[in-house]
Amino acid sequence: MHDIANPFIGGDGYRCFGCCPDNPIGLAMTFRDEGDQVVSEWKPKPDYCGFNGVLHGGVQAALHDEIASWYVFAKLGTAGFTADLSIRYLSPVYIAHGHITLKAALANNDGRRAVMTVSLYDGHGTLCSQSDVAYAIVPAHIAERKFLYPGKDAFKPTN
């Protein structure tokens, strides 16, 4: 288990809603590698509620999409773009329950399309939403040219 480095920090124009720590309205997600999964612990803010202390479903979808992209970056060693996201909302996510845990695992990869299954748990460990996120992926040399992908080694911790 180790933290995944964010090589985009300090990059020109980097303002990602999902993972940029300097975006004041963003989610500022961080990630760690746990074997066959990428995991994120995230503290929800009241600003992301849809109703009465419940995390907005659209924000949940953004969390699912973001961790799936980091699976592609750090585990598959490439980049791409979201081709499809299918999410099932199973239980309200009450922000008063504390930190949210997201876990992403690879379900399928044919070299052109990778599908990750993402699970979101509330602070009590309740599975609240689950998704299948499909990414259209490209070979690493194309990802470097078209998507400014810095290479798989850039996501390894420096400590």
N, C-alpha and C. Protein backbone atom coordinates (compact mmCIF):
# COMPACT_ATOMS: atom_id res chain seq x y z
N MET A 1 0.84 -1.17 0.00
CA MET A 1 0.00 0.00 0.00
C MET A 1 0.89 1.24 0.00
N HIS A 2 0.61 2.18 -0.90
CA HIS A 2 1.35 3.44 -0.91
C HIS A 2 0.50 4.53 -1.54
N ASP A 3 0.80 5.77 -1.14
CA ASP A 3 0.12 6.92 -1.74
C ASP A 3 0.51 7.02 -3.20
N ILE A 4 -0.41 7.49 -3.99
CA ILE A 4 -0.14 7.75 -5.41
C ILE A 4 0.20 9.22 -5.54
N ALA A 5 1.35 9.52 -6.11
CA ALA A 5 1.77 10.91 -6.30
C ALA A 5 0.89 11.58 -7.35
N ASN A 6 0.69 12.88 -7.19
CA ASN A 6 -0.05 13.66 -8.17
C ASN A 6 0.95 14.50 -8.97
N PRO A 7 1.36 14.01 -10.15
CA PRO A 7 2.37 14.71 -10.93
C PRO A 7 1.83 15.95 -11.66
N PHE A 8 0.53 16.18 -11.58
CA PHE A 8 -0.06 17.32 -12.28
C PHE A 8 0.06 18.61 -11.48
N ILE A 9 0.28 18.49 -10.16
CA ILE A 9 0.36 19.67 -9.30
C ILE A 9 1.44 20.62 -9.81
N GLY A 10 1.07 21.88 -9.95
CA GLY A 10 2.00 22.90 -10.43
C GLY A 10 2.04 23.02 -11.94
N GLY A 11 1.31 22.13 -12.63
CA GLY A 11 1.29 22.18 -14.08
C GLY A 11 0.46 23.34 -14.60
N ASP A 12 0.89 23.87 -15.73
CA ASP A 12 0.21 25.00 -16.36
C ASP A 12 -1.24 24.62 -16.69
N GLY A 13 -2.19 25.36 -16.15
CA GLY A 13 -3.59 25.15 -16.46
C GLY A 13 -4.26 24.03 -15.66
N TYR A 14 -3.56 23.43 -14.72
CA TYR A 14 -4.12 22.32 -13.94
C TYR A 14 -5.13 22.86 -12.92
N ARG A 15 -6.41 22.57 -13.12
CA ARG A 15 -7.49 23.02 -12.22
C ARG A 15 -8.53 21.92 -12.05
N CYS A 16 -8.16 20.67 -12.19
CA CYS A 16 -9.11 19.56 -12.19
C CYS A 16 -10.07 19.65 -11.01
N PHE A 17 -11.37 19.58 -11.29
CA PHE A 17 -12.40 19.61 -10.24
C PHE A 17 -12.23 18.43 -9.29
N GLY A 18 -11.79 17.30 -9.78
CA GLY A 18 -11.69 16.11 -8.97
C GLY A 18 -10.47 16.03 -8.09
N CYS A 19 -9.29 16.42 -8.61
CA CYS A 19 -8.06 16.12 -7.86
C CYS A 19 -7.12 17.29 -7.62
N CYS A 20 -7.41 18.47 -8.15
CA CYS A 20 -6.49 19.60 -7.93
C CYS A 20 -6.66 20.14 -6.51
N PRO A 21 -5.59 20.10 -5.71
CA PRO A 21 -5.70 20.60 -4.34
C PRO A 21 -5.85 22.12 -4.25
N ASP A 22 -5.61 22.82 -5.35
CA ASP A 22 -5.67 24.29 -5.36
C ASP A 22 -6.95 24.84 -5.97
N ASN A 23 -7.88 23.96 -6.34
CA ASN A 23 -9.15 24.42 -6.89
C ASN A 23 -10.11 24.64 -5.71
N PRO A 24 -10.46 25.89 -5.39
CA PRO A 24 -11.23 26.16 -4.18
C PRO A 24 -12.64 25.55 -4.18
N ILE A 25 -13.17 25.23 -5.33
CA ILE A 25 -14.50 24.59 -5.37
C ILE A 25 -14.41 23.11 -5.71
N GLY A 26 -13.20 22.60 -5.86
CA GLY A 26 -13.00 21.21 -6.26
C GLY A 26 -13.05 20.23 -5.11
N LEU A 27 -12.90 18.96 -5.46
CA LEU A 27 -12.99 17.87 -4.50
C LEU A 27 -11.65 17.56 -3.82
N ALA A 28 -10.54 17.94 -4.44
CA ALA A 28 -9.19 17.75 -3.89
C ALA A 28 -8.94 16.30 -3.45
N MET A 29 -9.34 15.35 -4.28
CA MET A 29 -9.17 13.94 -3.94
C MET A 29 -7.70 13.54 -3.99
N THR A 30 -7.34 12.60 -3.13
CA THR A 30 -6.03 11.97 -3.14
C THR A 30 -6.25 10.47 -3.22
N PHE A 31 -5.20 9.74 -3.59
CA PHE A 31 -5.37 8.32 -3.90
C PHE A 31 -4.21 7.50 -3.34
N ARG A 32 -4.50 6.22 -3.11
CA ARG A 32 -3.43 5.29 -2.73
C ARG A 32 -3.63 3.98 -3.48
N ASP A 33 -2.52 3.33 -3.70
CA ASP A 33 -2.49 2.03 -4.38
C ASP A 33 -2.58 0.95 -3.31
N GLU A 34 -3.58 0.10 -3.42
CA GLU A 34 -3.74 -1.02 -2.48
C GLU A 34 -3.86 -2.32 -3.27
N GLY A 35 -2.74 -2.74 -3.85
CA GLY A 35 -2.71 -3.99 -4.59
C GLY A 35 -3.47 -3.91 -5.89
N ASP A 36 -4.62 -4.57 -5.96
CA ASP A 36 -5.39 -4.54 -7.20
C ASP A 36 -6.44 -3.42 -7.21
N GLN A 37 -6.40 -2.55 -6.21
CA GLN A 37 -7.36 -1.45 -6.12
C GLN A 37 -6.66 -0.11 -5.98
N VAL A 38 -7.38 0.94 -6.40
CA VAL A 38 -7.03 2.31 -6.05
C VAL A 38 -8.09 2.76 -5.06
N VAL A 39 -7.64 3.37 -3.96
CA VAL A 39 -8.54 3.76 -2.87
C VAL A 39 -8.40 5.26 -2.61
N SER A 40 -9.51 5.89 -2.26
CA SER A 40 -9.49 7.30 -1.88
C SER A 40 -10.33 7.48 -0.63
N GLU A 41 -9.79 8.22 0.32
CA GLU A 41 -10.54 8.65 1.51
C GLU A 41 -10.84 10.13 1.28
N TRP A 42 -12.10 10.50 1.42
CA TRP A 42 -12.50 11.87 1.09
C TRP A 42 -13.46 12.39 2.14
N LYS A 43 -13.22 13.61 2.60
CA LYS A 43 -14.07 14.24 3.60
C LYS A 43 -15.06 15.16 2.90
N PRO A 44 -16.36 14.83 2.94
CA PRO A 44 -17.34 15.68 2.27
C PRO A 44 -17.57 16.99 3.03
N LYS A 45 -17.88 18.03 2.28
CA LYS A 45 -18.19 19.34 2.85
C LYS A 45 -19.69 19.61 2.66
N PRO A 46 -20.27 20.40 3.52
CA PRO A 46 -21.69 20.74 3.36
C PRO A 46 -22.01 21.39 2.00
N ASP A 47 -21.01 22.02 1.39
CA ASP A 47 -21.21 22.65 0.07
C ASP A 47 -21.60 21.64 -1.01
N TYR A 48 -21.37 20.36 -0.77
CA TYR A 48 -21.64 19.34 -1.77
C TYR A 48 -22.93 18.57 -1.53
N CYS A 49 -23.76 19.09 -0.64
CA CYS A 49 -25.04 18.44 -0.34
C CYS A 49 -26.10 18.78 -1.38
N GLY A 50 -26.99 17.84 -1.59
CA GLY A 50 -28.15 18.08 -2.42
C GLY A 50 -29.35 18.41 -1.56
N PHE A 51 -29.47 17.74 -0.43
CA PHE A 51 -30.61 17.95 0.46
C PHE A 51 -30.24 17.55 1.88
N ASN A 52 -30.44 18.44 2.80
CA ASN A 52 -30.41 18.16 4.23
C ASN A 52 -29.31 17.20 4.70
N GLY A 53 -28.07 17.54 4.37
CA GLY A 53 -26.96 16.73 4.85
C GLY A 53 -26.65 15.49 4.04
N VAL A 54 -27.26 15.35 2.87
CA VAL A 54 -27.04 14.20 1.99
C VAL A 54 -26.17 14.64 0.81
N LEU A 55 -25.09 13.90 0.57
CA LEU A 55 -24.20 14.21 -0.54
C LEU A 55 -24.95 14.14 -1.87
N HIS A 56 -24.78 15.16 -2.68
CA HIS A 56 -25.46 15.25 -3.99
C HIS A 56 -25.05 14.08 -4.88
N GLY A 57 -26.01 13.51 -5.59
CA GLY A 57 -25.73 12.39 -6.48
C GLY A 57 -24.76 12.72 -7.59
N GLY A 58 -24.80 13.95 -8.08
CA GLY A 58 -23.86 14.36 -9.12
C GLY A 58 -22.43 14.41 -8.60
N VAL A 59 -22.27 14.82 -7.37
CA VAL A 59 -20.94 14.82 -6.76
C VAL A 59 -20.47 13.39 -6.58
N GLN A 60 -21.37 12.50 -6.19
CA GLN A 60 -20.99 11.08 -6.10
C GLN A 60 -20.50 10.58 -7.45
N ALA A 61 -21.20 10.93 -8.52
CA ALA A 61 -20.80 10.50 -9.86
C ALA A 61 -19.40 11.04 -10.20
N ALA A 62 -19.13 12.29 -9.83
CA ALA A 62 -17.80 12.87 -10.08
C ALA A 62 -16.73 12.12 -9.31
N LEU A 63 -17.02 11.73 -8.07
CA LEU A 63 -16.07 10.96 -7.28
C LEU A 63 -15.77 9.61 -7.94
N HIS A 64 -16.80 8.95 -8.42
CA HIS A 64 -16.63 7.66 -9.10
C HIS A 64 -15.78 7.84 -10.37
N ASP A 65 -16.10 8.85 -11.15
CA ASP A 65 -15.38 9.09 -12.40
C ASP A 65 -13.91 9.40 -12.13
N GLU A 66 -13.65 10.21 -11.13
CA GLU A 66 -12.27 10.64 -10.85
C GLU A 66 -11.39 9.48 -10.40
N ILE A 67 -11.88 8.66 -9.49
CA ILE A 67 -11.03 7.55 -9.02
C ILE A 67 -10.79 6.54 -10.15
N ALA A 68 -11.77 6.38 -11.03
CA ALA A 68 -11.56 5.48 -12.18
C ALA A 68 -10.44 6.01 -13.08
N SER A 69 -10.40 7.32 -13.28
CA SER A 69 -9.34 7.88 -14.13
C SER A 69 -7.97 7.67 -13.49
N TRP A 70 -7.90 7.76 -12.17
CA TRP A 70 -6.62 7.53 -11.49
C TRP A 70 -6.23 6.07 -11.53
N TYR A 71 -7.18 5.16 -11.61
CA TYR A 71 -6.86 3.76 -11.82
C TYR A 71 -6.16 3.62 -13.18
N VAL A 72 -6.72 4.27 -14.19
CA VAL A 72 -6.14 4.22 -15.53
C VAL A 72 -4.72 4.79 -15.52
N PHE A 73 -4.54 5.95 -14.88
CA PHE A 73 -3.22 6.58 -14.83
C PHE A 73 -2.19 5.70 -14.12
N ALA A 74 -2.50 5.33 -12.89
CA ALA A 74 -1.51 4.72 -12.00
C ALA A 74 -1.36 3.22 -12.17
N LYS A 75 -2.43 2.53 -12.55
CA LYS A 75 -2.36 1.06 -12.63
C LYS A 75 -2.21 0.58 -14.08
N LEU A 76 -2.91 1.23 -15.00
CA LEU A 76 -2.84 0.78 -16.40
C LEU A 76 -1.74 1.48 -17.18
N GLY A 77 -1.22 2.57 -16.62
CA GLY A 77 -0.09 3.25 -17.24
C GLY A 77 -0.44 3.96 -18.54
N THR A 78 -1.61 4.58 -18.56
CA THR A 78 -2.01 5.33 -19.74
C THR A 78 -3.08 6.35 -19.35
N ALA A 79 -3.71 6.92 -20.35
CA ALA A 79 -4.79 7.88 -20.13
C ALA A 79 -5.86 7.67 -21.18
N GLY A 80 -6.90 8.43 -21.06
CA GLY A 80 -8.01 8.35 -22.01
C GLY A 80 -9.11 9.28 -21.58
N PHE A 81 -10.34 8.86 -21.81
CA PHE A 81 -11.47 9.70 -21.41
C PHE A 81 -12.65 8.81 -21.06
N THR A 82 -13.56 9.36 -20.26
CA THR A 82 -14.73 8.61 -19.84
C THR A 82 -15.61 8.34 -21.05
N ALA A 83 -15.91 7.07 -21.28
CA ALA A 83 -16.79 6.68 -22.38
C ALA A 83 -18.20 6.38 -21.88
N ASP A 84 -18.29 5.92 -20.63
CA ASP A 84 -19.60 5.58 -20.07
C ASP A 84 -19.47 5.47 -18.56
N LEU A 85 -20.50 5.94 -17.86
CA LEU A 85 -20.54 5.81 -16.41
C LEU A 85 -21.96 5.39 -16.04
N SER A 86 -22.06 4.25 -15.42
CA SER A 86 -23.36 3.72 -14.98
C SER A 86 -23.29 3.57 -13.46
N ILE A 87 -24.12 4.35 -12.76
CA ILE A 87 -24.04 4.37 -11.29
C ILE A 87 -25.36 3.92 -10.69
N ARG A 88 -25.23 3.16 -9.60
CA ARG A 88 -26.40 2.71 -8.84
C ARG A 88 -26.32 3.32 -7.46
N TYR A 89 -27.32 4.11 -7.11
CA TYR A 89 -27.40 4.73 -5.80
C TYR A 89 -28.16 3.78 -4.88
N LEU A 90 -27.50 3.32 -3.83
CA LEU A 90 -28.04 2.27 -2.98
C LEU A 90 -28.54 2.79 -1.63
N SER A 91 -27.94 3.87 -1.16
CA SER A 91 -28.29 4.41 0.15
C SER A 91 -27.83 5.87 0.18
N PRO A 92 -28.57 6.74 0.90
CA PRO A 92 -28.10 8.13 1.02
C PRO A 92 -26.72 8.18 1.68
N VAL A 93 -25.92 9.15 1.26
CA VAL A 93 -24.61 9.38 1.86
C VAL A 93 -24.75 10.60 2.77
N TYR A 94 -24.87 10.35 4.06
CA TYR A 94 -25.00 11.43 5.03
C TYR A 94 -23.61 11.94 5.36
N ILE A 95 -23.37 13.22 5.11
CA ILE A 95 -22.02 13.75 5.32
C ILE A 95 -21.65 13.77 6.80
N ALA A 96 -22.63 13.75 7.69
CA ALA A 96 -22.35 13.71 9.13
C ALA A 96 -21.70 12.39 9.54
N HIS A 97 -21.74 11.38 8.67
CA HIS A 97 -21.12 10.09 8.99
C HIS A 97 -19.61 10.12 8.79
N GLY A 98 -19.07 11.23 8.30
CA GLY A 98 -17.61 11.38 8.20
C GLY A 98 -17.04 11.01 6.84
N HIS A 99 -15.79 10.61 6.87
CA HIS A 99 -15.04 10.33 5.65
C HIS A 99 -15.73 9.26 4.79
N ILE A 100 -15.63 9.48 3.51
CA ILE A 100 -16.13 8.55 2.51
C ILE A 100 -14.92 7.78 1.97
N THR A 101 -15.12 6.50 1.72
CA THR A 101 -14.08 5.67 1.12
C THR A 101 -14.55 5.20 -0.24
N LEU A 102 -13.73 5.41 -1.24
CA LEU A 102 -14.00 4.90 -2.59
C LEU A 102 -12.95 3.88 -2.94
N LYS A 103 -13.39 2.81 -3.61
CA LYS A 103 -12.48 1.75 -4.05
C LYS A 103 -12.76 1.46 -5.51
N ALA A 104 -11.71 1.48 -6.32
CA ALA A 104 -11.82 1.18 -7.74
C ALA A 104 -11.00 -0.06 -8.07
N ALA A 105 -11.59 -0.95 -8.84
CA ALA A 105 -10.91 -2.17 -9.27
C ALA A 105 -11.21 -2.40 -10.75
N LEU A 106 -10.29 -3.02 -11.43
CA LEU A 106 -10.46 -3.30 -12.85
C LEU A 106 -11.42 -4.46 -13.05
N ALA A 107 -12.43 -4.24 -13.89
CA ALA A 107 -13.38 -5.30 -14.23
C ALA A 107 -13.03 -5.91 -15.59
N ASN A 108 -12.53 -5.07 -16.52
CA ASN A 108 -12.22 -5.55 -17.86
C ASN A 108 -11.30 -4.55 -18.56
N ASN A 109 -10.41 -5.07 -19.38
CA ASN A 109 -9.53 -4.21 -20.18
C ASN A 109 -9.18 -4.95 -21.46
N ASP A 110 -9.65 -4.42 -22.58
CA ASP A 110 -9.33 -5.06 -23.86
C ASP A 110 -8.26 -4.28 -24.63
N GLY A 111 -7.64 -3.30 -23.95
CA GLY A 111 -6.59 -2.50 -24.59
C GLY A 111 -7.10 -1.23 -25.23
N ARG A 112 -8.39 -1.15 -25.48
CA ARG A 112 -9.00 0.05 -26.04
C ARG A 112 -10.05 0.64 -25.11
N ARG A 113 -10.59 -0.22 -24.27
CA ARG A 113 -11.63 0.18 -23.33
C ARG A 113 -11.39 -0.56 -22.02
N ALA A 114 -11.25 0.21 -20.97
CA ALA A 114 -11.07 -0.37 -19.64
C ALA A 114 -12.30 -0.04 -18.81
N VAL A 115 -12.80 -1.03 -18.09
CA VAL A 115 -13.97 -0.82 -17.23
C VAL A 115 -13.54 -1.06 -15.79
N MET A 116 -13.78 -0.05 -14.95
CA MET A 116 -13.50 -0.16 -13.53
C MET A 116 -14.83 -0.21 -12.77
N THR A 117 -14.87 -1.04 -11.75
CA THR A 117 -16.00 -1.05 -10.82
C THR A 117 -15.58 -0.21 -9.63
N VAL A 118 -16.43 0.75 -9.28
CA VAL A 118 -16.13 1.66 -8.17
C VAL A 118 -17.22 1.51 -7.11
N SER A 119 -16.79 1.42 -5.87
CA SER A 119 -17.71 1.34 -4.73
C SER A 119 -17.46 2.51 -3.80
N LEU A 120 -18.54 3.14 -3.32
CA LEU A 120 -18.45 4.27 -2.40
C LEU A 120 -19.11 3.88 -1.09
N TYR A 121 -18.34 4.02 0.01
CA TYR A 121 -18.80 3.68 1.35
C TYR A 121 -18.85 4.93 2.20
N ASP A 122 -19.87 5.05 3.03
CA ASP A 122 -19.93 6.18 3.95
C ASP A 122 -19.04 5.92 5.16
N GLY A 123 -19.02 6.88 6.09
CA GLY A 123 -18.17 6.78 7.26
C GLY A 123 -18.52 5.64 8.20
N HIS A 124 -19.69 5.05 8.03
CA HIS A 124 -20.09 3.89 8.83
C HIS A 124 -19.80 2.58 8.11
N GLY A 125 -19.22 2.66 6.92
CA GLY A 125 -18.89 1.46 6.15
C GLY A 125 -20.03 0.93 5.31
N THR A 126 -21.11 1.69 5.17
CA THR A 126 -22.25 1.28 4.35
C THR A 126 -21.95 1.52 2.89
N LEU A 127 -22.17 0.51 2.05
CA LEU A 127 -22.04 0.69 0.60
C LEU A 127 -23.20 1.55 0.14
N CYS A 128 -22.89 2.76 -0.35
CA CYS A 128 -23.93 3.73 -0.71
C CYS A 128 -24.14 3.87 -2.21
N SER A 129 -23.11 3.67 -2.99
CA SER A 129 -23.26 3.70 -4.45
C SER A 129 -22.18 2.85 -5.08
N GLN A 130 -22.49 2.35 -6.26
CA GLN A 130 -21.55 1.50 -6.99
C GLN A 130 -21.70 1.84 -8.47
N SER A 131 -20.59 1.78 -9.18
CA SER A 131 -20.64 2.13 -10.60
C SER A 131 -19.73 1.25 -11.43
N ASP A 132 -20.00 1.27 -12.71
CA ASP A 132 -19.10 0.75 -13.73
C ASP A 132 -18.72 1.96 -14.57
N VAL A 133 -17.43 2.23 -14.62
CA VAL A 133 -16.92 3.38 -15.35
C VAL A 133 -16.05 2.87 -16.48
N ALA A 134 -16.46 3.14 -17.70
CA ALA A 134 -15.69 2.71 -18.87
C ALA A 134 -14.85 3.89 -19.39
N TYR A 135 -13.59 3.61 -19.61
CA TYR A 135 -12.67 4.60 -20.17
C TYR A 135 -12.19 4.13 -21.53
N ALA A 136 -12.25 5.02 -22.50
CA ALA A 136 -11.59 4.78 -23.77
C ALA A 136 -10.12 5.09 -23.53
N ILE A 137 -9.26 4.10 -23.71
CA ILE A 137 -7.84 4.29 -23.43
C ILE A 137 -7.03 4.15 -24.71
N VAL A 138 -5.83 4.71 -24.65
CA VAL A 138 -4.92 4.68 -25.79
C VAL A 138 -3.56 4.18 -25.32
N PRO A 139 -2.71 3.74 -26.22
CA PRO A 139 -1.35 3.36 -25.80
C PRO A 139 -0.64 4.54 -25.12
N ALA A 140 0.28 4.23 -24.23
CA ALA A 140 0.95 5.26 -23.43
C ALA A 140 1.61 6.34 -24.29
N HIS A 141 2.24 5.97 -25.39
CA HIS A 141 2.92 6.99 -26.20
C HIS A 141 1.93 7.98 -26.80
N ILE A 142 0.73 7.53 -27.10
CA ILE A 142 -0.31 8.44 -27.60
C ILE A 142 -0.87 9.27 -26.44
N ALA A 143 -1.04 8.65 -25.26
CA ALA A 143 -1.52 9.37 -24.07
C ALA A 143 -0.57 10.51 -23.72
N GLU A 144 0.73 10.27 -23.86
CA GLU A 144 1.71 11.31 -23.58
C GLU A 144 1.55 12.49 -24.53
N ARG A 145 1.29 12.21 -25.78
CA ARG A 145 1.19 13.26 -26.79
C ARG A 145 -0.17 13.97 -26.75
N LYS A 146 -1.26 13.21 -26.66
CA LYS A 146 -2.60 13.80 -26.76
C LYS A 146 -3.18 14.27 -25.43
N PHE A 147 -2.82 13.59 -24.34
CA PHE A 147 -3.43 13.90 -23.04
C PHE A 147 -2.42 14.40 -22.01
N LEU A 148 -1.18 14.68 -22.45
CA LEU A 148 -0.12 15.14 -21.56
C LEU A 148 0.13 14.18 -20.40
N TYR A 149 -0.06 12.90 -20.66
CA TYR A 149 0.17 11.88 -19.65
C TYR A 149 1.66 11.83 -19.33
N PRO A 150 2.04 11.95 -18.04
CA PRO A 150 3.46 12.04 -17.71
C PRO A 150 4.18 10.70 -17.57
N GLY A 151 3.50 9.59 -17.79
CA GLY A 151 4.10 8.27 -17.65
C GLY A 151 3.77 7.66 -16.29
N LYS A 152 3.69 6.34 -16.25
CA LYS A 152 3.27 5.62 -15.05
C LYS A 152 4.19 5.89 -13.86
N ASP A 153 5.48 6.03 -14.10
CA ASP A 153 6.43 6.26 -13.00
C ASP A 153 6.16 7.58 -12.26
N ALA A 154 5.55 8.54 -12.92
CA ALA A 154 5.26 9.84 -12.29
C ALA A 154 4.26 9.72 -11.16
N PHE A 155 3.53 8.62 -11.08
CA PHE A 155 2.50 8.42 -10.06
C PHE A 155 3.03 7.67 -8.85
N LYS A 156 4.28 7.22 -8.92
CA LYS A 156 4.88 6.52 -7.78
C LYS A 156 5.29 7.54 -6.72
N PRO A 157 5.18 7.16 -5.45
CA PRO A 157 5.56 8.11 -4.39
C PRO A 157 7.04 8.43 -4.45
N THR A 158 7.37 9.65 -4.05
CA THR A 158 8.78 10.08 -4.10
C THR A 158 9.50 9.81 -2.80
N ASN A 159 8.78 9.45 -1.73
CA ASN A 159 9.44 9.22 -0.44
C ASN A 159 9.87 7.79 -0.27
